[in-house]
Amino acid sequence: MCNYLVYIYSLYLSLKMEKFVVFGKYCEDAIIKRSPFREQHLNRLKKLKDRDILVTLGPTKCTKYLFGIFNANDENQLRNLIEEDIYWEKGIWINYDIYPWVQAF
């Protein structure tokens, strides 16, 4: 029952949050350079997904760019979330842009 209440509360919070699209760039040879940090990165993303902050995130097929959709209270909160990620700290992600997004359907 407790897990259910936490889930309902997180859904409620995600409805109040704004949606954002993130588009950024990976460093050269990111697939190789990310290897030592990948497990930590994916574990963090799972926690963000469980809290309904992360909707989706991943590389483009060419692995030069990243694309993501997030729920956040504001752009500053999302910037902090991105820059706390090990991929940002270790230079795997080298830049990003954030765009407020309105989901049409």
N, C-alpha and C. Protein backbone atom coordinates (compact mmCIF):
# COMPACT_ATOMS: atom_id res chain seq x y z
N MET A 1 0.83 -1.19 0.00
CA MET A 1 0.00 0.00 0.00
C MET A 1 0.87 1.25 0.00
N CYS A 2 1.95 1.23 0.78
CA CYS A 2 2.83 2.40 0.87
C CYS A 2 3.45 2.72 -0.48
N ASN A 3 3.91 1.71 -1.22
CA ASN A 3 4.49 1.93 -2.54
C ASN A 3 3.46 2.52 -3.49
N TYR A 4 2.23 2.08 -3.37
CA TYR A 4 1.16 2.60 -4.21
C TYR A 4 0.94 4.09 -3.94
N LEU A 5 0.94 4.49 -2.67
CA LEU A 5 0.75 5.89 -2.31
C LEU A 5 1.91 6.75 -2.81
N VAL A 6 3.11 6.23 -2.72
CA VAL A 6 4.28 6.95 -3.24
C VAL A 6 4.13 7.13 -4.75
N TYR A 7 3.70 6.09 -5.42
CA TYR A 7 3.50 6.15 -6.87
C TYR A 7 2.44 7.19 -7.23
N ILE A 8 1.31 7.19 -6.55
CA ILE A 8 0.24 8.16 -6.81
C ILE A 8 0.74 9.58 -6.56
N TYR A 9 1.48 9.77 -5.48
CA TYR A 9 2.00 11.09 -5.17
C TYR A 9 3.00 11.55 -6.24
N SER A 10 3.85 10.66 -6.71
CA SER A 10 4.82 11.04 -7.75
C SER A 10 4.10 11.37 -9.06
N LEU A 11 3.01 10.66 -9.37
CA LEU A 11 2.22 11.01 -10.55
C LEU A 11 1.60 12.39 -10.41
N TYR A 12 1.09 12.68 -9.24
CA TYR A 12 0.52 14.00 -8.97
C TYR A 12 1.56 15.10 -9.17
N LEU A 13 2.76 14.88 -8.64
CA LEU A 13 3.82 15.87 -8.78
C LEU A 13 4.23 16.04 -10.24
N SER A 14 4.30 14.94 -10.98
CA SER A 14 4.70 15.04 -12.38
C SER A 14 3.67 15.80 -13.21
N LEU A 15 2.41 15.73 -12.83
CA LEU A 15 1.38 16.49 -13.54
C LEU A 15 1.55 17.99 -13.32
N LYS A 16 2.08 18.37 -12.17
CA LYS A 16 2.29 19.77 -11.86
C LYS A 16 3.58 20.31 -12.50
N MET A 17 4.49 19.45 -12.86
CA MET A 17 5.77 19.87 -13.42
C MET A 17 5.64 20.22 -14.90
N GLU A 18 6.57 21.03 -15.35
CA GLU A 18 6.65 21.36 -16.77
C GLU A 18 7.43 20.27 -17.50
N LYS A 19 7.19 20.18 -18.79
CA LYS A 19 7.94 19.23 -19.62
C LYS A 19 9.01 19.98 -20.39
N PHE A 20 10.17 19.31 -20.55
CA PHE A 20 11.29 19.90 -21.27
C PHE A 20 11.92 18.86 -22.19
N VAL A 21 12.37 19.34 -23.35
CA VAL A 21 13.16 18.54 -24.27
C VAL A 21 14.61 18.96 -24.10
N VAL A 22 15.50 17.99 -24.05
CA VAL A 22 16.93 18.25 -23.96
C VAL A 22 17.60 17.67 -25.20
N PHE A 23 18.43 18.48 -25.83
CA PHE A 23 19.20 18.03 -26.98
C PHE A 23 20.64 18.46 -26.75
N GLY A 24 21.56 17.52 -26.84
CA GLY A 24 22.96 17.84 -26.56
C GLY A 24 23.91 17.01 -27.39
N LYS A 25 25.18 17.13 -27.05
CA LYS A 25 26.22 16.47 -27.83
C LYS A 25 27.13 15.65 -26.91
N TYR A 26 27.53 14.50 -27.42
CA TYR A 26 28.50 13.65 -26.76
C TYR A 26 29.91 14.04 -27.19
N CYS A 27 30.90 13.71 -26.37
CA CYS A 27 32.30 13.91 -26.72
C CYS A 27 32.70 12.91 -27.82
N GLU A 28 33.85 13.12 -28.40
CA GLU A 28 34.40 12.15 -29.36
C GLU A 28 34.64 10.83 -28.62
N ASP A 29 34.39 9.73 -29.29
CA ASP A 29 34.58 8.38 -28.73
C ASP A 29 33.81 8.16 -27.43
N ALA A 30 32.63 8.73 -27.36
CA ALA A 30 31.81 8.64 -26.14
C ALA A 30 31.50 7.20 -25.76
N ILE A 31 31.27 6.35 -26.73
CA ILE A 31 30.92 4.95 -26.44
C ILE A 31 32.03 4.28 -25.64
N ILE A 32 33.27 4.59 -25.97
CA ILE A 32 34.41 4.01 -25.25
C ILE A 32 34.61 4.74 -23.92
N LYS A 33 34.57 6.06 -23.94
CA LYS A 33 34.88 6.85 -22.74
C LYS A 33 33.82 6.72 -21.65
N ARG A 34 32.59 6.41 -22.02
CA ARG A 34 31.53 6.32 -21.01
C ARG A 34 31.58 5.02 -20.22
N SER A 35 32.27 4.05 -20.72
CA SER A 35 32.27 2.70 -20.16
C SER A 35 32.45 2.63 -18.64
N PRO A 36 33.46 3.31 -18.06
CA PRO A 36 33.64 3.18 -16.60
C PRO A 36 32.52 3.81 -15.78
N PHE A 37 31.70 4.66 -16.41
CA PHE A 37 30.68 5.41 -15.68
C PHE A 37 29.26 4.97 -16.01
N ARG A 38 29.13 4.06 -16.95
CA ARG A 38 27.82 3.70 -17.49
C ARG A 38 26.86 3.14 -16.44
N GLU A 39 27.33 2.23 -15.62
CA GLU A 39 26.45 1.62 -14.61
C GLU A 39 25.92 2.68 -13.64
N GLN A 40 26.79 3.55 -13.16
CA GLN A 40 26.37 4.62 -12.25
C GLN A 40 25.35 5.53 -12.94
N HIS A 41 25.62 5.87 -14.19
CA HIS A 41 24.73 6.72 -14.98
C HIS A 41 23.35 6.08 -15.13
N LEU A 42 23.31 4.81 -15.52
CA LEU A 42 22.03 4.13 -15.74
C LEU A 42 21.26 3.94 -14.43
N ASN A 43 21.94 3.68 -13.35
CA ASN A 43 21.26 3.55 -12.05
C ASN A 43 20.61 4.87 -11.65
N ARG A 44 21.29 5.96 -11.89
CA ARG A 44 20.72 7.28 -11.58
C ARG A 44 19.50 7.56 -12.46
N LEU A 45 19.61 7.23 -13.74
CA LEU A 45 18.49 7.46 -14.65
C LEU A 45 17.27 6.64 -14.23
N LYS A 46 17.50 5.42 -13.78
CA LYS A 46 16.38 4.60 -13.32
C LYS A 46 15.67 5.26 -12.14
N LYS A 47 16.44 5.84 -11.22
CA LYS A 47 15.83 6.52 -10.08
C LYS A 47 15.02 7.75 -10.53
N LEU A 48 15.55 8.49 -11.50
CA LEU A 48 14.82 9.64 -12.03
C LEU A 48 13.55 9.19 -12.75
N LYS A 49 13.63 8.08 -13.45
CA LYS A 49 12.46 7.52 -14.14
C LYS A 49 11.41 7.07 -13.13
N ASP A 50 11.85 6.42 -12.06
CA ASP A 50 10.93 5.97 -11.01
C ASP A 50 10.21 7.14 -10.34
N ARG A 51 10.85 8.30 -10.31
CA ARG A 51 10.26 9.49 -9.70
C ARG A 51 9.48 10.33 -10.72
N ASP A 52 9.32 9.80 -11.94
CA ASP A 52 8.60 10.48 -13.03
C ASP A 52 9.23 11.82 -13.41
N ILE A 53 10.52 11.95 -13.21
CA ILE A 53 11.26 13.13 -13.67
C ILE A 53 11.76 12.88 -15.08
N LEU A 54 12.30 11.71 -15.31
CA LEU A 54 12.79 11.33 -16.63
C LEU A 54 11.69 10.61 -17.39
N VAL A 55 11.39 11.09 -18.58
CA VAL A 55 10.43 10.41 -19.46
C VAL A 55 11.21 9.49 -20.38
N THR A 56 12.22 10.01 -21.06
CA THR A 56 13.08 9.21 -21.93
C THR A 56 14.39 9.94 -22.13
N LEU A 57 15.46 9.18 -22.40
CA LEU A 57 16.76 9.77 -22.65
C LEU A 57 17.62 8.75 -23.36
N GLY A 58 18.36 9.19 -24.35
CA GLY A 58 19.27 8.29 -25.03
C GLY A 58 20.00 8.97 -26.16
N PRO A 59 20.96 8.24 -26.74
CA PRO A 59 21.72 8.79 -27.85
C PRO A 59 20.93 8.65 -29.16
N THR A 60 21.28 9.52 -30.11
CA THR A 60 20.77 9.32 -31.46
C THR A 60 21.51 8.11 -32.05
N LYS A 61 21.02 7.60 -33.15
CA LYS A 61 21.60 6.39 -33.74
C LYS A 61 23.09 6.56 -34.07
N CYS A 62 23.49 7.76 -34.47
CA CYS A 62 24.90 8.01 -34.81
C CYS A 62 25.77 8.16 -33.55
N THR A 63 25.17 8.21 -32.39
CA THR A 63 25.82 8.35 -31.07
C THR A 63 26.62 9.65 -30.90
N LYS A 64 26.29 10.67 -31.69
CA LYS A 64 26.92 11.98 -31.51
C LYS A 64 26.09 12.90 -30.63
N TYR A 65 24.79 12.62 -30.55
CA TYR A 65 23.88 13.53 -29.86
C TYR A 65 23.04 12.78 -28.84
N LEU A 66 22.56 13.53 -27.84
CA LEU A 66 21.64 12.96 -26.88
C LEU A 66 20.30 13.68 -27.00
N PHE A 67 19.25 12.95 -26.72
CA PHE A 67 17.89 13.49 -26.76
C PHE A 67 17.17 12.99 -25.53
N GLY A 68 16.45 13.90 -24.87
CA GLY A 68 15.70 13.48 -23.71
C GLY A 68 14.46 14.32 -23.48
N ILE A 69 13.52 13.75 -22.75
CA ILE A 69 12.33 14.47 -22.30
C ILE A 69 12.26 14.30 -20.79
N PHE A 70 12.09 15.42 -20.09
CA PHE A 70 12.07 15.44 -18.64
C PHE A 70 10.86 16.21 -18.13
N ASN A 71 10.45 15.88 -16.92
CA ASN A 71 9.51 16.69 -16.14
C ASN A 71 10.34 17.38 -15.07
N ALA A 72 10.14 18.69 -14.91
CA ALA A 72 10.86 19.44 -13.87
C ALA A 72 10.04 20.65 -13.47
N ASN A 73 10.32 21.18 -12.30
CA ASN A 73 9.62 22.38 -11.85
C ASN A 73 9.97 23.59 -12.69
N ASP A 74 11.23 23.66 -13.11
CA ASP A 74 11.67 24.78 -13.94
C ASP A 74 12.98 24.39 -14.62
N GLU A 75 13.45 25.26 -15.50
CA GLU A 75 14.66 24.98 -16.26
C GLU A 75 15.89 24.87 -15.36
N ASN A 76 15.96 25.68 -14.33
CA ASN A 76 17.11 25.62 -13.42
C ASN A 76 17.21 24.27 -12.71
N GLN A 77 16.08 23.74 -12.29
CA GLN A 77 16.09 22.42 -11.66
C GLN A 77 16.61 21.37 -12.63
N LEU A 78 16.18 21.45 -13.89
CA LEU A 78 16.63 20.48 -14.88
C LEU A 78 18.12 20.65 -15.16
N ARG A 79 18.61 21.87 -15.26
CA ARG A 79 20.05 22.10 -15.45
C ARG A 79 20.85 21.44 -14.33
N ASN A 80 20.38 21.62 -13.10
CA ASN A 80 21.06 20.99 -11.97
C ASN A 80 21.06 19.48 -12.09
N LEU A 81 19.92 18.90 -12.47
CA LEU A 81 19.84 17.44 -12.64
C LEU A 81 20.82 16.94 -13.70
N ILE A 82 20.90 17.66 -14.81
CA ILE A 82 21.80 17.26 -15.89
C ILE A 82 23.25 17.37 -15.44
N GLU A 83 23.59 18.47 -14.80
CA GLU A 83 24.98 18.72 -14.43
C GLU A 83 25.44 17.92 -13.21
N GLU A 84 24.50 17.26 -12.52
CA GLU A 84 24.85 16.33 -11.45
C GLU A 84 25.13 14.93 -11.99
N ASP A 85 24.85 14.69 -13.25
CA ASP A 85 25.05 13.37 -13.84
C ASP A 85 26.55 13.13 -14.08
N ILE A 86 26.98 11.91 -13.86
CA ILE A 86 28.38 11.54 -14.03
C ILE A 86 28.85 11.76 -15.48
N TYR A 87 27.95 11.63 -16.45
CA TYR A 87 28.34 11.88 -17.85
C TYR A 87 28.70 13.34 -18.07
N TRP A 88 28.02 14.24 -17.40
CA TRP A 88 28.38 15.66 -17.51
C TRP A 88 29.68 15.93 -16.75
N GLU A 89 29.76 15.41 -15.54
CA GLU A 89 30.94 15.64 -14.71
C GLU A 89 32.22 15.11 -15.35
N LYS A 90 32.13 14.01 -16.07
CA LYS A 90 33.31 13.39 -16.68
C LYS A 90 33.52 13.80 -18.14
N GLY A 91 32.69 14.71 -18.65
CA GLY A 91 32.90 15.22 -20.00
C GLY A 91 32.39 14.32 -21.12
N ILE A 92 31.53 13.37 -20.79
CA ILE A 92 30.92 12.51 -21.82
C ILE A 92 29.87 13.33 -22.57
N TRP A 93 29.04 14.04 -21.84
CA TRP A 93 28.16 15.05 -22.45
C TRP A 93 28.94 16.35 -22.46
N ILE A 94 29.03 17.01 -23.61
CA ILE A 94 29.85 18.22 -23.66
C ILE A 94 29.04 19.51 -23.81
N ASN A 95 27.81 19.40 -24.22
CA ASN A 95 26.92 20.56 -24.21
C ASN A 95 25.48 20.09 -24.33
N TYR A 96 24.58 20.98 -24.02
CA TYR A 96 23.15 20.64 -24.14
C TYR A 96 22.33 21.92 -24.19
N ASP A 97 21.16 21.81 -24.77
CA ASP A 97 20.17 22.88 -24.79
C ASP A 97 18.88 22.32 -24.22
N ILE A 98 18.15 23.19 -23.54
CA ILE A 98 16.87 22.82 -22.94
C ILE A 98 15.78 23.65 -23.60
N TYR A 99 14.70 22.96 -23.99
CA TYR A 99 13.55 23.63 -24.61
C TYR A 99 12.28 23.28 -23.85
N PRO A 100 11.56 24.27 -23.33
CA PRO A 100 10.25 23.97 -22.74
C PRO A 100 9.36 23.35 -23.82
N TRP A 101 8.56 22.37 -23.42
CA TRP A 101 7.78 21.61 -24.39
C TRP A 101 6.35 21.50 -23.91
N VAL A 102 5.43 21.65 -24.83
CA VAL A 102 4.01 21.46 -24.53
C VAL A 102 3.57 20.19 -25.27
N GLN A 103 3.14 19.21 -24.52
CA GLN A 103 2.69 17.97 -25.11
C GLN A 103 1.28 18.16 -25.66
N ALA A 104 1.14 17.99 -26.97
CA ALA A 104 -0.16 18.22 -27.62
C ALA A 104 -1.15 17.08 -27.36
N PHE A 105 -0.67 15.86 -27.35
CA PHE A 105 -1.53 14.70 -27.06
C PHE A 105 -0.70 13.56 -26.59
